[in-house]
Amino acid sequence: MLTTVNSFAEKGVYKVYVYFLPVGEITFNIQENRAEVKGETYKSLRWIYNYTFRFEASEKGYFLYEKENKKEKLYTNNEIEKKKPWLPLIVKYILEGKKPDSEKDPNFPYRLEEKNGKVIIYPLKSKKVKKIIIKLSEKDRLPSEIQIEGKLDITLKRIK
């Protein structure tokens, strides 16, 4: 499912904004042939909305565990592509260090554009996400910012 180009390990922490409101943090832990992404809402907002998730990508596939308020769910591969299409696309881009080849994944088509230090990914079958804009970092493989445009506009700004 995933292929890597070089051996590397990186970790980045992002502040998550829904529109302009900071709501939580997401941590990307990227290694040579696997990735783990964890996120949660800020404790001060959990009385309104309590959400945590853990996403794992490896050669075995994709796994997503999420807890929304008191409901817990586990998703795998194609289910994740429907529920959170931005996660596998961003992780795949970071792990491969280049444009993912959409021809290799006919079940999850997307279109890519690269311009001015940004990568724009258009998931073609997603009803929740219109496009993902990844602002590339000059110093490492993890992006400096990720914008997800869809039913909700979400921005991830790197803080560490």
Protein backbone atom coordinates (compact mmCIF):
# COMPACT_ATOMS: atom_id res chain seq x y z
CA MET A 1 0.00 0.00 0.00
CA LEU A 2 2.83 2.41 0.84
CA THR A 3 6.25 2.71 -0.69
CA THR A 4 9.05 4.90 0.56
CA VAL A 5 11.96 6.52 -1.20
CA ASN A 6 14.45 7.31 1.55
CA SER A 7 15.01 6.33 5.13
CA PHE A 8 13.87 9.10 7.49
CA ALA A 9 11.94 9.87 10.66
CA GLU A 10 10.17 13.12 11.46
CA LYS A 11 7.67 14.38 13.98
CA GLY A 12 5.53 17.50 13.74
CA VAL A 13 2.81 19.05 15.86
CA TYR A 14 0.05 21.12 14.27
CA LYS A 15 -2.54 23.44 15.78
CA VAL A 16 -5.96 22.73 14.25
CA TYR A 17 -8.35 25.51 13.31
CA VAL A 18 -11.94 25.11 12.21
CA TYR A 19 -12.45 28.28 10.21
CA PHE A 20 -10.55 30.71 12.51
CA LEU A 21 -11.18 28.98 15.87
CA PRO A 22 -8.34 26.86 17.37
CA VAL A 23 -9.89 23.54 18.41
CA GLY A 24 -7.06 21.05 19.01
CA GLU A 25 -3.73 19.60 17.98
CA ILE A 26 -2.56 16.87 15.62
CA THR A 27 0.81 15.11 15.79
CA PHE A 28 2.38 13.46 12.75
CA ASN A 29 5.02 10.82 13.53
CA ILE A 30 6.50 9.72 10.21
CA GLN A 31 9.06 6.93 9.91
CA GLU A 32 10.63 5.08 7.03
CA ASN A 33 7.73 2.81 6.14
CA ARG A 34 4.98 3.76 8.56
CA ALA A 35 3.14 6.76 9.88
CA GLU A 36 1.11 7.52 12.96
CA VAL A 37 -1.12 10.56 13.24
CA LYS A 38 -2.87 11.42 16.51
CA GLY A 39 -5.25 14.25 17.24
CA GLU A 40 -7.54 15.53 19.92
CA THR A 41 -9.67 18.53 20.81
CA TYR A 42 -8.42 20.89 23.48
CA LYS A 43 -9.54 19.96 27.00
CA SER A 44 -11.25 23.33 27.38
CA LEU A 45 -13.58 22.47 24.46
CA ARG A 46 -14.37 18.87 25.36
CA TRP A 47 -17.59 19.78 27.14
CA ILE A 48 -18.90 20.91 23.73
CA TYR A 49 -17.22 18.35 21.48
CA ASN A 50 -14.80 15.63 22.57
CA TYR A 51 -12.88 14.05 19.68
CA THR A 52 -9.70 12.00 19.53
CA PHE A 53 -8.27 9.84 16.77
CA ARG A 54 -5.26 7.68 15.92
CA PHE A 55 -4.43 6.91 12.30
CA GLU A 56 -1.78 4.39 11.29
CA ALA A 57 -0.43 3.72 7.82
CA SER A 58 1.98 0.92 7.04
CA GLU A 59 2.60 -1.69 4.39
CA LYS A 60 -0.23 -3.67 6.02
CA GLY A 61 -2.75 -0.91 5.26
CA TYR A 62 -4.54 1.99 6.91
CA PHE A 63 -6.20 1.92 10.34
CA LEU A 64 -8.20 4.68 12.01
CA TYR A 65 -9.51 4.61 15.56
CA GLU A 66 -11.69 7.50 16.59
CA LYS A 67 -13.64 8.44 19.65
CA GLU A 68 -16.31 11.07 19.13
CA ASN A 69 -17.91 12.07 22.42
CA LYS A 70 -18.64 8.57 23.78
CA LYS A 71 -18.80 6.64 20.50
CA GLU A 72 -15.75 4.61 19.49
CA LYS A 73 -15.16 3.37 15.94
CA LEU A 74 -12.45 1.53 14.04
CA TYR A 75 -12.03 1.97 10.29
CA THR A 76 -9.71 0.32 7.78
CA ASN A 77 -8.50 1.10 4.26
CA ASN A 78 -11.48 2.03 2.01
CA GLU A 79 -13.63 3.09 4.96
CA ILE A 80 -11.00 5.71 5.88
CA GLU A 81 -10.89 7.01 2.33
CA LYS A 82 -14.61 7.79 2.68
CA LYS A 83 -14.54 9.07 6.29
CA LYS A 84 -11.28 11.09 6.33
CA PRO A 85 -9.85 11.19 2.79
CA TRP A 86 -7.32 13.89 3.70
CA LEU A 87 -5.42 11.61 6.10
CA PRO A 88 -4.22 8.88 3.71
CA LEU A 89 -3.54 11.40 0.92
CA ILE A 90 -1.36 13.66 3.08
CA VAL A 91 0.49 10.75 4.71
CA LYS A 92 1.07 9.11 1.35
CA TYR A 93 2.51 12.35 -0.03
CA ILE A 94 4.82 12.80 2.98
CA LEU A 95 6.02 9.17 2.98
CA GLU A 96 6.70 8.99 -0.73
CA GLY A 97 8.33 12.42 -0.83
CA LYS A 98 6.91 13.01 -4.28
CA LYS A 99 3.63 13.05 -6.11
CA PRO A 100 1.59 9.95 -5.28
CA ASP A 101 0.69 7.98 -8.37
CA SER A 102 -3.10 8.05 -8.58
CA GLU A 103 -2.95 5.41 -11.32
CA LYS A 104 -1.86 2.87 -8.66
CA ASP A 105 -5.01 3.45 -6.62
CA PRO A 106 -8.00 3.33 -8.99
CA ASN A 107 -10.45 2.91 -6.08
CA PHE A 108 -9.49 6.29 -4.61
CA PRO A 109 -8.91 8.68 -7.53
CA TYR A 110 -7.48 12.15 -7.03
CA ARG A 111 -5.86 14.85 -9.08
CA LEU A 112 -2.71 16.75 -8.10
CA GLU A 113 -1.31 20.16 -8.94
CA GLU A 114 2.04 21.55 -7.82
CA LYS A 115 2.73 25.29 -7.89
CA ASN A 116 4.58 27.94 -5.89
CA GLY A 117 5.70 25.59 -3.09
CA LYS A 118 2.22 24.13 -2.69
CA VAL A 119 0.64 20.83 -3.58
CA ILE A 120 -3.09 20.84 -4.22
CA ILE A 121 -4.87 17.49 -4.02
CA TYR A 122 -8.41 17.07 -5.33
CA PRO A 123 -10.08 13.86 -4.06
CA LEU A 124 -12.40 13.05 -6.95
CA LYS A 125 -14.86 10.77 -5.11
CA SER A 126 -15.07 12.55 -1.76
CA LYS A 127 -18.29 14.27 -0.78
CA LYS A 128 -16.68 15.75 2.36
CA VAL A 129 -13.43 17.21 0.96
CA LYS A 130 -13.18 19.46 -2.10
CA LYS A 131 -9.43 20.02 -1.98
CA ILE A 132 -6.37 19.77 0.22
CA ILE A 133 -3.66 22.43 0.00
CA ILE A 134 -0.27 21.41 1.38
CA LYS A 135 2.26 24.21 1.90
CA LEU A 136 5.64 22.55 1.65
CA SER A 137 8.39 23.21 4.16
CA GLU A 138 11.85 24.20 3.01
CA LYS A 139 13.58 22.55 5.98
CA ASP A 140 12.00 19.08 6.18
CA ARG A 141 9.47 16.71 4.70
CA LEU A 142 6.50 17.64 6.89
CA PRO A 143 4.39 20.52 5.52
CA SER A 144 4.34 23.91 7.21
CA GLU A 145 0.57 24.17 6.76
CA ILE A 146 -2.30 22.03 5.52
CA GLN A 147 -5.68 23.42 4.47
CA ILE A 148 -8.65 21.11 4.03
CA GLU A 149 -11.58 22.65 2.19
CA GLY A 150 -14.91 20.88 2.35
CA LYS A 151 -18.04 20.75 4.48
CA LEU A 152 -15.88 22.37 7.17
CA ASP A 153 -12.76 24.37 6.40
CA ILE A 154 -9.93 23.06 8.56
CA THR A 155 -6.37 24.43 8.74
CA LEU A 156 -3.41 22.71 10.36
CA LYS A 157 -0.52 25.08 11.18
CA ARG A 158 2.75 23.55 12.26
CA ILE A 159 3.88 24.70 15.71
CA LYS A 160 6.73 22.23 16.41
